[in-house]
Amino acid sequence: MAQPHSIERPLWTVVGEGAIGLLAAARLYRAGYPVQLHRRVNGPFQFVFQSAAVSQQIHLPHQAQPPYSYVLLPVKAYAVLDALHQLLPLLADNAQLVLSHNGMGTIEQVLPLLKPSQGLWFLSTSHGAFKSDDATVVHSGMGQSVSGALNQAALAQQLEVEQAMQAALGPFTVLEDIWPALWLKLAVNAVINPLTALHQCKNGELENIKYAAAIRLLIEEFVLLAKASGQEVSIEAIEQRVALVIKQTADNYSSMQQDFAKGRRSELDYITGFVLKQAEQHQLQLPAHQAIYQLLLQKSPR
């Protein structure tokens, strides 16, 4: 059962009603944190949280009350900027904002919009969650999370953020430099997401030998870009990581595959698109990434 809400624990605002956001909200709630959702519409909101160990009804406030001091923003990369513009008038002057999504490219958009006293974090998680219906979130796979402070104001409240995210999406580690972790996750996403979206298959299907050459090409090109961007990576290390994630998530559909299957906008521009934009800055040609980007662009609802 959830612990009684402690007045010593800060109120966290979770943005949206996505699976990872509701997972984090449920686990914060169960750990005794006061939690509210920032949603498009106000009104009563409750949902069922299910995991291997528990099934619990979670009741959250009807309406989120600003100012928001601690905010988790786990929305799709393409929705971050619009969501932030809604949030800016509601944020406390010393608010802590935690971004979490696939792909890269939003940090550069968000940082200039915050006050010097407002902290920004990026959180990368391997937890699995999905919504079996609008009012049920299922914790489908235990994972872990890493995060890093992206400005000085974030360091001022590191302990509070670390404790809350440990409860929400732990086991949780704060990294002094989050960028190598983000590049490694991007490497995995830039292989698995576009290939599964293009071939409309589960992640495990990529273990088939017929995909080996494409995977190798995408990784080789990615390593060229990463090294040009100052990241120390190797083809072998990324191959091992990609193979491990494919194996561990063999029964899963990637987020991009699901978006294409359901005719929704995807994070293509923040995964493969980001890779290609960075390559252009370094005057690199990445023909395998370019080819898969063009093929998916033709199929994308955008």
C-alpha atoms as a PDB file:
ATOM      1  CA  MET A   1       0.000   0.000   0.000  1.00  0.00           C
ATOM      2  CA  ALA A   2       1.047   3.584  -0.557  1.00  0.00           C
ATOM      3  CA  GLN A   3       2.541   5.386   2.381  1.00  0.00           C
ATOM      4  CA  PRO A   4       0.755   8.450   3.787  1.00  0.00           C
ATOM      5  CA  HIS A   5       1.829  11.610   1.991  1.00  0.00           C
ATOM      6  CA  SER A   6       4.575  13.318   3.910  1.00  0.00           C
ATOM      7  CA  ILE A   7       4.563  17.102   4.160  1.00  0.00           C
ATOM      8  CA  GLU A   8       8.363  16.947   3.980  1.00  0.00           C
ATOM      9  CA  ARG A   9       8.288  15.490   0.494  1.00  0.00           C
ATOM     10  CA  PRO A  10       7.955  18.020  -2.332  1.00  0.00           C
ATOM     11  CA  LEU A  11       5.038  18.030  -4.748  1.00  0.00           C
ATOM     12  CA  TRP A  12       5.929  16.661  -8.177  1.00  0.00           C
ATOM     13  CA  THR A  13       4.071  17.584 -11.349  1.00  0.00           C
ATOM     14  CA  VAL A  14       4.097  14.963 -14.117  1.00  0.00           C
ATOM     15  CA  VAL A  15       3.262  16.283 -17.589  1.00  0.00           C
ATOM     16  CA  GLY A  16       0.860  14.334 -19.799  1.00  0.00           C
ATOM     17  CA  GLU A  17      -0.697  10.895 -19.547  1.00  0.00           C
ATOM     18  CA  GLY A  18       1.893   8.746 -21.330  1.00  0.00           C
ATOM     19  CA  ALA A  19       2.898   5.336 -20.025  1.00  0.00           C
ATOM     20  CA  ILE A  20       6.270   6.342 -18.529  1.00  0.00           C
ATOM     21  CA  GLY A  21       4.743   9.451 -16.942  1.00  0.00           C
ATOM     22  CA  LEU A  22       1.940   7.461 -15.309  1.00  0.00           C
ATOM     23  CA  LEU A  23       4.434   4.801 -14.206  1.00  0.00           C
ATOM     24  CA  ALA A  24       6.554   7.493 -12.530  1.00  0.00           C
ATOM     25  CA  ALA A  25       3.460   9.151 -10.999  1.00  0.00           C
ATOM     26  CA  ALA A  26       2.255   5.835  -9.562  1.00  0.00           C
ATOM     27  CA  ARG A  27       5.625   4.951  -8.064  1.00  0.00           C
ATOM     28  CA  LEU A  28       6.043   8.453  -6.588  1.00  0.00           C
ATOM     29  CA  TYR A  29       2.546   8.183  -5.101  1.00  0.00           C
ATOM     30  CA  ARG A  30       3.294   4.773  -3.624  1.00  0.00           C
ATOM     31  CA  ALA A  31       6.527   6.159  -2.120  1.00  0.00           C
ATOM     32  CA  GLY A  32       4.576   8.858  -0.298  1.00  0.00           C
ATOM     33  CA  TYR A  33       5.145  11.819  -2.601  1.00  0.00           C
ATOM     34  CA  PRO A  34       2.325  14.222  -3.370  1.00  0.00           C
ATOM     35  CA  VAL A  35       1.821  14.043  -7.166  1.00  0.00           C
ATOM     36  CA  GLN A  36      -0.262  15.966  -9.682  1.00  0.00           C
ATOM     37  CA  LEU A  37      -0.676  15.645 -13.451  1.00  0.00           C
ATOM     38  CA  HIS A  38      -0.463  18.569 -15.843  1.00  0.00           C
ATOM     39  CA  ARG A  39      -3.034  17.600 -18.465  1.00  0.00           C
ATOM     40  CA  ARG A  40      -4.827  19.204 -21.401  1.00  0.00           C
ATOM     41  CA  VAL A  41      -8.135  18.984 -19.539  1.00  0.00           C
ATOM     42  CA  ASN A  42      -8.955  19.313 -15.842  1.00  0.00           C
ATOM     43  CA  GLY A  43     -11.269  17.002 -13.965  1.00  0.00           C
ATOM     44  CA  PRO A  44     -11.161  13.842 -11.859  1.00  0.00           C
ATOM     45  CA  PHE A  45      -8.314  11.545 -12.784  1.00  0.00           C
ATOM     46  CA  GLN A  46      -7.615   8.073 -11.534  1.00  0.00           C
ATOM     47  CA  PHE A  47      -5.899   5.118 -13.088  1.00  0.00           C
ATOM     48  CA  VAL A  48      -4.896   1.571 -12.262  1.00  0.00           C
ATOM     49  CA  PHE A  49      -1.216   0.798 -11.780  1.00  0.00           C
ATOM     50  CA  GLN A  50      -0.293  -2.820 -12.493  1.00  0.00           C
ATOM     51  CA  SER A  51       3.010  -4.614 -12.023  1.00  0.00           C
ATOM     52  CA  ALA A  52       4.109  -8.148 -11.282  1.00  0.00           C
ATOM     53  CA  ALA A  53       3.671  -7.438  -7.558  1.00  0.00           C
ATOM     54  CA  VAL A  54       0.710  -5.081  -7.305  1.00  0.00           C
ATOM     55  CA  SER A  55      -2.521  -3.753  -8.777  1.00  0.00           C
ATOM     56  CA  GLN A  56      -3.577  -0.451  -7.270  1.00  0.00           C
ATOM     57  CA  GLN A  57      -6.005   2.373  -8.031  1.00  0.00           C
ATOM     58  CA  ILE A  58      -4.161   5.703  -8.037  1.00  0.00           C
ATOM     59  CA  HIS A  59      -6.193   8.846  -7.247  1.00  0.00           C
ATOM     60  CA  LEU A  60      -4.626  12.176  -8.227  1.00  0.00           C
ATOM     61  CA  PRO A  61      -5.910  15.755  -7.733  1.00  0.00           C
ATOM     62  CA  HIS A  62      -8.610  17.013 -10.116  1.00  0.00           C
ATOM     63  CA  GLN A  63      -6.532  20.020 -11.087  1.00  0.00           C
ATOM     64  CA  ALA A  64      -2.815  20.758 -10.963  1.00  0.00           C
ATOM     65  CA  GLN A  65      -1.955  23.739  -8.774  1.00  0.00           C
ATOM     66  CA  PRO A  66       0.883  26.054  -9.846  1.00  0.00           C
ATOM     67  CA  PRO A  67       3.531  27.196  -9.274  1.00  0.00           C
ATOM     68  CA  TYR A  68       5.285  23.966 -10.232  1.00  0.00           C
ATOM     69  CA  SER A  69       8.571  23.474  -8.365  1.00  0.00           C
ATOM     70  CA  TYR A  70       9.440  19.926  -9.475  1.00  0.00           C
ATOM     71  CA  VAL A  71       8.393  18.784 -12.943  1.00  0.00           C
ATOM     72  CA  LEU A  72       8.885  15.529 -14.849  1.00  0.00           C
ATOM     73  CA  LEU A  73       8.358  16.068 -18.592  1.00  0.00           C
ATOM     74  CA  PRO A  74       8.213  12.579 -20.186  1.00  0.00           C
ATOM     75  CA  VAL A  75       6.639  13.485 -23.531  1.00  0.00           C
ATOM     76  CA  LYS A  76       7.687  12.673 -27.096  1.00  0.00           C
ATOM     77  CA  ALA A  77      10.676  14.708 -28.281  1.00  0.00           C
ATOM     78  CA  TYR A  78       8.614  16.602 -30.881  1.00  0.00           C
ATOM     79  CA  ALA A  79       6.124  17.682 -28.166  1.00  0.00           C
ATOM     80  CA  VAL A  80       8.694  19.047 -25.692  1.00  0.00           C
ATOM     81  CA  LEU A  81       8.795  22.624 -26.961  1.00  0.00           C
ATOM     82  CA  ASP A  82       5.007  23.069 -27.100  1.00  0.00           C
ATOM     83  CA  ALA A  83       4.669  21.556 -23.629  1.00  0.00           C
ATOM     84  CA  LEU A  84       7.377  23.829 -22.260  1.00  0.00           C
ATOM     85  CA  HIS A  85       5.701  26.957 -23.623  1.00  0.00           C
ATOM     86  CA  GLN A  86       2.548  25.917 -21.730  1.00  0.00           C
ATOM     87  CA  LEU A  87       4.579  25.284 -18.580  1.00  0.00           C
ATOM     88  CA  LEU A  88       6.772  28.399 -18.487  1.00  0.00           C
ATOM     89  CA  PRO A  89       4.167  30.722 -16.893  1.00  0.00           C
ATOM     90  CA  LEU A  90       3.407  28.024 -14.293  1.00  0.00           C
ATOM     91  CA  LEU A  91       6.980  27.266 -13.188  1.00  0.00           C
ATOM     92  CA  ALA A  92       8.397  28.497  -9.887  1.00  0.00           C
ATOM     93  CA  ASP A  93      11.442  30.750 -10.202  1.00  0.00           C
ATOM     94  CA  ASN A  94      13.645  27.927  -8.869  1.00  0.00           C
ATOM     95  CA  ALA A  95      11.795  25.055 -10.573  1.00  0.00           C
ATOM     96  CA  GLN A  96      13.574  21.802 -11.417  1.00  0.00           C
ATOM     97  CA  LEU A  97      12.612  20.340 -14.810  1.00  0.00           C
ATOM     98  CA  VAL A  98      13.417  16.729 -15.767  1.00  0.00           C
ATOM     99  CA  LEU A  99      13.211  15.856 -19.480  1.00  0.00           C
ATOM    100  CA  SER A 100      12.862  12.229 -20.575  1.00  0.00           C
ATOM    101  CA  HIS A 101      12.359  10.996 -24.141  1.00  0.00           C
ATOM    102  CA  ASN A 102      13.985   9.079 -26.985  1.00  0.00           C
ATOM    103  CA  GLY A 103      16.305  10.874 -29.359  1.00  0.00           C
ATOM    104  CA  MET A 104      18.254  14.115 -28.985  1.00  0.00           C
ATOM    105  CA  GLY A 105      17.932  17.764 -29.928  1.00  0.00           C
ATOM    106  CA  THR A 106      15.562  19.204 -27.301  1.00  0.00           C
ATOM    107  CA  ILE A 107      18.130  20.231 -24.676  1.00  0.00           C
ATOM    108  CA  GLU A 108      19.450  22.971 -26.962  1.00  0.00           C
ATOM    109  CA  GLN A 109      15.872  24.184 -27.466  1.00  0.00           C
ATOM    110  CA  VAL A 110      14.890  24.185 -23.790  1.00  0.00           C
ATOM    111  CA  LEU A 111      17.921  25.631 -21.966  1.00  0.00           C
ATOM    112  CA  PRO A 112      17.685  29.173 -23.429  1.00  0.00           C
ATOM    113  CA  LEU A 113      14.019  29.428 -22.377  1.00  0.00           C
ATOM    114  CA  LEU A 114      14.645  28.805 -18.672  1.00  0.00           C
ATOM    115  CA  LYS A 115      15.603  31.392 -16.055  1.00  0.00           C
ATOM    116  CA  PRO A 116      19.149  31.102 -14.660  1.00  0.00           C
ATOM    117  CA  SER A 117      17.624  29.920 -11.367  1.00  0.00           C
ATOM    118  CA  GLN A 118      15.616  27.095 -13.001  1.00  0.00           C
ATOM    119  CA  GLY A 119      17.329  23.707 -13.157  1.00  0.00           C
ATOM    120  CA  LEU A 120      17.290  21.342 -16.137  1.00  0.00           C
ATOM    121  CA  TRP A 121      17.945  17.590 -16.053  1.00  0.00           C
ATOM    122  CA  PHE A 122      17.802  14.852 -18.653  1.00  0.00           C
ATOM    123  CA  LEU A 123      16.743  11.364 -17.575  1.00  0.00           C
ATOM    124  CA  SER A 124      17.239   8.240 -19.665  1.00  0.00           C
ATOM    125  CA  THR A 125      15.351   5.127 -18.569  1.00  0.00           C
ATOM    126  CA  SER A 126      15.120   1.489 -19.614  1.00  0.00           C
ATOM    127  CA  HIS A 127      11.898   0.781 -17.676  1.00  0.00           C
ATOM    128  CA  GLY A 128       9.148  -0.747 -19.784  1.00  0.00           C
ATOM    129  CA  ALA A 129       5.546   0.438 -19.500  1.00  0.00           C
ATOM    130  CA  PHE A 130       2.433   0.521 -21.653  1.00  0.00           C
ATOM    131  CA  LYS A 131      -1.185   1.569 -21.339  1.00  0.00           C
ATOM    132  CA  SER A 132      -3.536  -1.379 -21.784  1.00  0.00           C
ATOM    133  CA  ASP A 133      -6.369   1.182 -21.896  1.00  0.00           C
ATOM    134  CA  ASP A 134      -6.801   4.899 -21.133  1.00  0.00           C
ATOM    135  CA  ALA A 135      -7.028   4.260 -17.386  1.00  0.00           C
ATOM    136  CA  THR A 136      -4.492   1.446 -16.872  1.00  0.00           C
ATOM    137  CA  VAL A 137      -0.713   1.548 -16.959  1.00  0.00           C
ATOM    138  CA  VAL A 138       1.268  -1.697 -16.847  1.00  0.00           C
ATOM    139  CA  HIS A 139       4.870  -1.822 -15.620  1.00  0.00           C
ATOM    140  CA  SER A 140       6.001  -4.392 -18.163  1.00  0.00           C
ATOM    141  CA  GLY A 141       9.739  -4.459 -17.524  1.00  0.00           C
ATOM    142  CA  MET A 142      11.989  -3.458 -14.640  1.00  0.00           C
ATOM    143  CA  GLY A 143      14.768  -1.193 -15.783  1.00  0.00           C
ATOM    144  CA  GLN A 144      17.032   1.502 -14.446  1.00  0.00           C
ATOM    145  CA  SER A 145      17.587   5.182 -15.075  1.00  0.00           C
ATOM    146  CA  VAL A 146      20.472   7.608 -15.366  1.00  0.00           C
ATOM    147  CA  SER A 147      20.320  11.372 -15.257  1.00  0.00           C
ATOM    148  CA  GLY A 148      22.574  14.382 -15.435  1.00  0.00           C
ATOM    149  CA  ALA A 149      22.365  18.049 -14.536  1.00  0.00           C
ATOM    150  CA  LEU A 150      22.467  20.344 -17.554  1.00  0.00           C
ATOM    151  CA  ASN A 151      22.970  23.687 -15.814  1.00  0.00           C
ATOM    152  CA  GLN A 152      24.221  25.132 -12.526  1.00  0.00           C
ATOM    153  CA  ALA A 153      20.737  25.645 -11.100  1.00  0.00           C
ATOM    154  CA  ALA A 154      20.116  21.890 -11.303  1.00  0.00           C
ATOM    155  CA  LEU A 155      23.096  21.160  -9.038  1.00  0.00           C
ATOM    156  CA  ALA A 156      21.590  23.311  -6.281  1.00  0.00           C
ATOM    157  CA  GLN A 157      18.763  20.810  -5.760  1.00  0.00           C
ATOM    158  CA  GLN A 158      20.426  17.566  -6.806  1.00  0.00           C
ATOM    159  CA  LEU A 159      19.524  15.669  -3.626  1.00  0.00           C
ATOM    160  CA  GLU A 160      15.785  16.415  -3.897  1.00  0.00           C
ATOM    161  CA  VAL A 161      15.680  15.409  -7.564  1.00  0.00           C
ATOM    162  CA  GLU A 162      17.803  12.310  -6.975  1.00  0.00           C
ATOM    163  CA  GLN A 163      15.600  11.062  -4.108  1.00  0.00           C
ATOM    164  CA  ALA A 164      12.375  11.560  -6.061  1.00  0.00           C
ATOM    165  CA  MET A 165      13.636   9.973  -9.275  1.00  0.00           C
ATOM    166  CA  GLN A 166      14.983   7.033  -7.265  1.00  0.00           C
ATOM    167  CA  ALA A 167      11.395   6.450  -6.147  1.00  0.00           C
ATOM    168  CA  ALA A 168       9.862   7.174  -9.553  1.00  0.00           C
ATOM    169  CA  LEU A 169      12.183   5.375 -11.984  1.00  0.00           C
ATOM    170  CA  GLY A 170      14.919   3.776  -9.901  1.00  0.00           C
ATOM    171  CA  PRO A 171      17.396   2.199  -9.584  1.00  0.00           C
ATOM    172  CA  PHE A 172      18.683   5.670 -10.413  1.00  0.00           C
ATOM    173  CA  THR A 173      22.188   7.045 -10.948  1.00  0.00           C
ATOM    174  CA  VAL A 174      23.259  10.668 -11.367  1.00  0.00           C
ATOM    175  CA  LEU A 175      26.099  10.999 -13.875  1.00  0.00           C
ATOM    176  CA  GLU A 176      28.557  13.894 -13.826  1.00  0.00           C
ATOM    177  CA  ASP A 177      28.406  13.888 -17.629  1.00  0.00           C
ATOM    178  CA  ILE A 178      25.153  12.620 -19.171  1.00  0.00           C
ATOM    179  CA  TRP A 179      26.270  13.039 -22.793  1.00  0.00           C
ATOM    180  CA  PRO A 180      28.056   9.681 -23.303  1.00  0.00           C
ATOM    181  CA  ALA A 181      24.928   7.886 -22.010  1.00  0.00           C
ATOM    182  CA  LEU A 182      22.719   9.925 -24.352  1.00  0.00           C
ATOM    183  CA  TRP A 183      24.928   9.130 -27.347  1.00  0.00           C
ATOM    184  CA  LEU A 184      24.921   5.424 -26.471  1.00  0.00           C
ATOM    185  CA  LYS A 185      21.127   5.393 -26.194  1.00  0.00           C
ATOM    186  CA  LEU A 186      20.900   7.312 -29.479  1.00  0.00           C
ATOM    187  CA  ALA A 187      23.116   4.671 -31.119  1.00  0.00           C
ATOM    188  CA  VAL A 188      20.721   1.923 -30.027  1.00  0.00           C
ATOM    189  CA  ASN A 189      17.623   3.921 -30.991  1.00  0.00           C
ATOM    190  CA  ALA A 190      19.079   4.854 -34.389  1.00  0.00           C
ATOM    191  CA  VAL A 191      19.372   1.144 -35.234  1.00  0.00           C
ATOM    192  CA  ILE A 192      16.386  -0.561 -33.599  1.00  0.00           C
ATOM    193  CA  ASN A 193      13.685   2.084 -33.997  1.00  0.00           C
ATOM    194  CA  PRO A 194      13.971   2.834 -37.738  1.00  0.00           C
ATOM    195  CA  LEU A 195      14.550  -0.799 -38.741  1.00  0.00           C
ATOM    196  CA  THR A 196      11.550  -2.099 -36.767  1.00  0.00           C
ATOM    197  CA  ALA A 197       9.407   0.775 -38.045  1.00  0.00           C
ATOM    198  CA  LEU A 198      10.428   0.103 -41.648  1.00  0.00           C
ATOM    199  CA  HIS A 199       9.887  -3.660 -41.468  1.00  0.00           C
ATOM    200  CA  GLN A 200       6.991  -3.501 -38.964  1.00  0.00           C
ATOM    201  CA  CYS A 201       8.454  -6.176 -36.724  1.00  0.00           C
ATOM    202  CA  LYS A 202       9.218  -6.867 -33.083  1.00  0.00           C
ATOM    203  CA  ASN A 203      12.683  -5.978 -31.801  1.00  0.00           C
ATOM    204  CA  GLY A 204      13.661  -9.659 -31.618  1.00  0.00           C
ATOM    205  CA  GLU A 205      13.150 -10.104 -35.361  1.00  0.00           C
ATOM    206  CA  LEU A 206      16.342  -8.043 -35.859  1.00  0.00           C
ATOM    207  CA  GLU A 207      18.354 -11.052 -34.625  1.00  0.00           C
ATOM    208  CA  ASN A 208      17.626 -12.625 -38.018  1.00  0.00           C
ATOM    209  CA  ILE A 209      20.774 -12.816 -40.162  1.00  0.00           C
ATOM    210  CA  LYS A 210      19.051 -10.934 -43.001  1.00  0.00           C
ATOM    211  CA  TYR A 211      19.293  -7.709 -40.957  1.00  0.00           C
ATOM    212  CA  ALA A 212      22.960  -8.132 -39.971  1.00  0.00           C
ATOM    213  CA  ALA A 213      24.454  -6.096 -42.839  1.00  0.00           C
ATOM    214  CA  ALA A 214      22.045  -3.182 -42.341  1.00  0.00           C
ATOM    215  CA  ILE A 215      22.708  -3.126 -38.595  1.00  0.00           C
ATOM    216  CA  ARG A 216      26.466  -3.174 -39.159  1.00  0.00           C
ATOM    217  CA  LEU A 217      26.296  -0.303 -41.672  1.00  0.00           C
ATOM    218  CA  LEU A 218      24.142   1.862 -39.401  1.00  0.00           C
ATOM    219  CA  ILE A 219      26.541   1.273 -36.501  1.00  0.00           C
ATOM    220  CA  GLU A 220      29.686   1.952 -38.553  1.00  0.00           C
ATOM    221  CA  GLU A 221      28.247   5.264 -39.774  1.00  0.00           C
ATOM    222  CA  PHE A 222      27.083   6.208 -36.286  1.00  0.00           C
ATOM    223  CA  VAL A 223      30.563   5.635 -34.844  1.00  0.00           C
ATOM    224  CA  LEU A 224      32.049   7.946 -37.488  1.00  0.00           C
ATOM    225  CA  LEU A 225      29.636  10.680 -36.382  1.00  0.00           C
ATOM    226  CA  ALA A 226      30.088  10.069 -32.653  1.00  0.00           C
ATOM    227  CA  LYS A 227      33.876  10.309 -32.942  1.00  0.00           C
ATOM    228  CA  ALA A 228      33.575  13.513 -34.993  1.00  0.00           C
ATOM    229  CA  SER A 229      31.364  14.848 -32.174  1.00  0.00           C
ATOM    230  CA  GLY A 230      33.982  14.082 -29.525  1.00  0.00           C
ATOM    231  CA  GLN A 231      32.501  10.833 -28.184  1.00  0.00           C
ATOM    232  CA  GLU A 232      34.866   7.923 -27.517  1.00  0.00           C
ATOM    233  CA  VAL A 233      32.953   4.904 -28.822  1.00  0.00           C
ATOM    234  CA  SER A 234      33.799   1.751 -30.748  1.00  0.00           C
ATOM    235  CA  ILE A 235      31.908  -0.304 -33.325  1.00  0.00           C
ATOM    236  CA  GLU A 236      32.281  -3.404 -31.121  1.00  0.00           C
ATOM    237  CA  ALA A 237      30.884  -1.712 -28.004  1.00  0.00           C
ATOM    238  CA  ILE A 238      27.812  -0.423 -29.840  1.00  0.00           C
ATOM    239  CA  GLU A 239      27.303  -3.773 -31.598  1.00  0.00           C
ATOM    240  CA  GLN A 240      27.303  -5.487 -28.198  1.00  0.00           C
ATOM    241  CA  ARG A 241      24.902  -2.938 -26.737  1.00  0.00           C
ATOM    242  CA  VAL A 242      22.495  -3.146 -29.693  1.00  0.00           C
ATOM    243  CA  ALA A 243      22.557  -6.964 -29.594  1.00  0.00           C
ATOM    244  CA  LEU A 244      21.882  -6.933 -25.841  1.00  0.00           C
ATOM    245  CA  VAL A 245      18.912  -4.557 -26.131  1.00  0.00           C
ATOM    246  CA  ILE A 246      17.456  -6.567 -29.032  1.00  0.00           C
ATOM    247  CA  LYS A 247      17.746  -9.730 -26.924  1.00  0.00           C
ATOM    248  CA  GLN A 248      16.362  -8.165 -23.734  1.00  0.00           C
ATOM    249  CA  THR A 249      13.408  -6.565 -25.557  1.00  0.00           C
ATOM    250  CA  ALA A 250      12.875  -9.322 -28.152  1.00  0.00           C
ATOM    251  CA  ASP A 251       9.135  -9.524 -27.492  1.00  0.00           C
ATOM    252  CA  ASN A 252       8.610  -5.759 -27.542  1.00  0.00           C
ATOM    253  CA  TYR A 253       7.659  -3.393 -30.342  1.00  0.00           C
ATOM    254  CA  SER A 254       9.757  -0.224 -30.463  1.00  0.00           C
ATOM    255  CA  SER A 255       8.049   3.111 -29.879  1.00  0.00           C
ATOM    256  CA  MET A 256       8.678   4.116 -33.504  1.00  0.00           C
ATOM    257  CA  GLN A 257       7.232   0.858 -34.828  1.00  0.00           C
ATOM    258  CA  GLN A 258       4.090   1.454 -32.773  1.00  0.00           C
ATOM    259  CA  ASP A 259       3.804   5.058 -33.967  1.00  0.00           C
ATOM    260  CA  PHE A 260       4.039   4.024 -37.626  1.00  0.00           C
ATOM    261  CA  ALA A 261       1.648   1.088 -37.101  1.00  0.00           C
ATOM    262  CA  LYS A 262      -0.945   3.418 -35.562  1.00  0.00           C
ATOM    263  CA  GLY A 263      -0.442   6.273 -38.023  1.00  0.00           C
ATOM    264  CA  ARG A 264       0.936   8.622 -35.362  1.00  0.00           C
ATOM    265  CA  ARG A 265       3.739  11.122 -35.594  1.00  0.00           C
ATOM    266  CA  SER A 266       7.059   9.537 -34.568  1.00  0.00           C
ATOM    267  CA  GLU A 267      10.367  10.747 -33.131  1.00  0.00           C
ATOM    268  CA  LEU A 268      12.133  10.082 -36.457  1.00  0.00           C
ATOM    269  CA  ASP A 269      13.392  13.676 -36.702  1.00  0.00           C
ATOM    270  CA  TYR A 270      14.916  13.459 -33.208  1.00  0.00           C
ATOM    271  CA  ILE A 271      16.608  10.101 -33.816  1.00  0.00           C
ATOM    272  CA  THR A 272      17.694   9.534 -37.436  1.00  0.00           C
ATOM    273  CA  GLY A 273      16.974  13.168 -38.317  1.00  0.00           C
ATOM    274  CA  PHE A 274      19.213  14.363 -35.483  1.00  0.00           C
ATOM    275  CA  VAL A 275      21.972  11.996 -36.627  1.00  0.00           C
ATOM    276  CA  LEU A 276      21.787  13.411 -40.162  1.00  0.00           C
ATOM    277  CA  LYS A 277      21.775  17.050 -38.988  1.00  0.00           C
ATOM    278  CA  GLN A 278      24.871  16.421 -36.882  1.00  0.00           C
ATOM    279  CA  ALA A 279      26.535  14.659 -39.821  1.00  0.00           C
ATOM    280  CA  GLU A 280      25.856  17.676 -42.018  1.00  0.00           C
ATOM    281  CA  GLN A 281      27.577  19.947 -39.480  1.00  0.00           C
ATOM    282  CA  HIS A 282      30.641  17.702 -39.610  1.00  0.00           C
ATOM    283  CA  GLN A 283      30.434  17.362 -43.420  1.00  0.00           C
ATOM    284  CA  LEU A 284      29.963  13.600 -43.153  1.00  0.00           C
ATOM    285  CA  GLN A 285      27.975  11.414 -45.532  1.00  0.00           C
ATOM    286  CA  LEU A 286      25.892   8.701 -43.827  1.00  0.00           C
ATOM    287  CA  PRO A 287      24.164   6.945 -46.752  1.00  0.00           C
ATOM    288  CA  ALA A 288      22.583   4.111 -44.718  1.00  0.00           C
ATOM    289  CA  HIS A 289      20.954   6.513 -42.250  1.00  0.00           C
ATOM    290  CA  GLN A 290      19.950   8.812 -45.123  1.00  0.00           C
ATOM    291  CA  ALA A 291      18.324   5.941 -47.018  1.00  0.00           C
ATOM    292  CA  ILE A 292      16.286   4.664 -44.072  1.00  0.00           C
ATOM    293  CA  TYR A 293      15.265   8.236 -43.198  1.00  0.00           C
ATOM    294  CA  GLN A 294      13.935   8.827 -46.719  1.00  0.00           C
ATOM    295  CA  LEU A 295      12.071   5.499 -46.764  1.00  0.00           C
ATOM    296  CA  LEU A 296      10.403   6.234 -43.427  1.00  0.00           C
ATOM    297  CA  LEU A 297       9.665   9.818 -44.416  1.00  0.00           C
ATOM    298  CA  GLN A 298       7.585   8.486 -47.316  1.00  0.00           C
ATOM    299  CA  LYS A 299       5.570   6.308 -44.903  1.00  0.00           C
ATOM    300  CA  SER A 300       5.305   8.907 -42.125  1.00  0.00           C
ATOM    301  CA  PRO A 301       1.953  10.549 -41.308  1.00  0.00           C
ATOM    302  CA  ARG A 302       3.843  13.659 -40.053  1.00  0.00           C
END
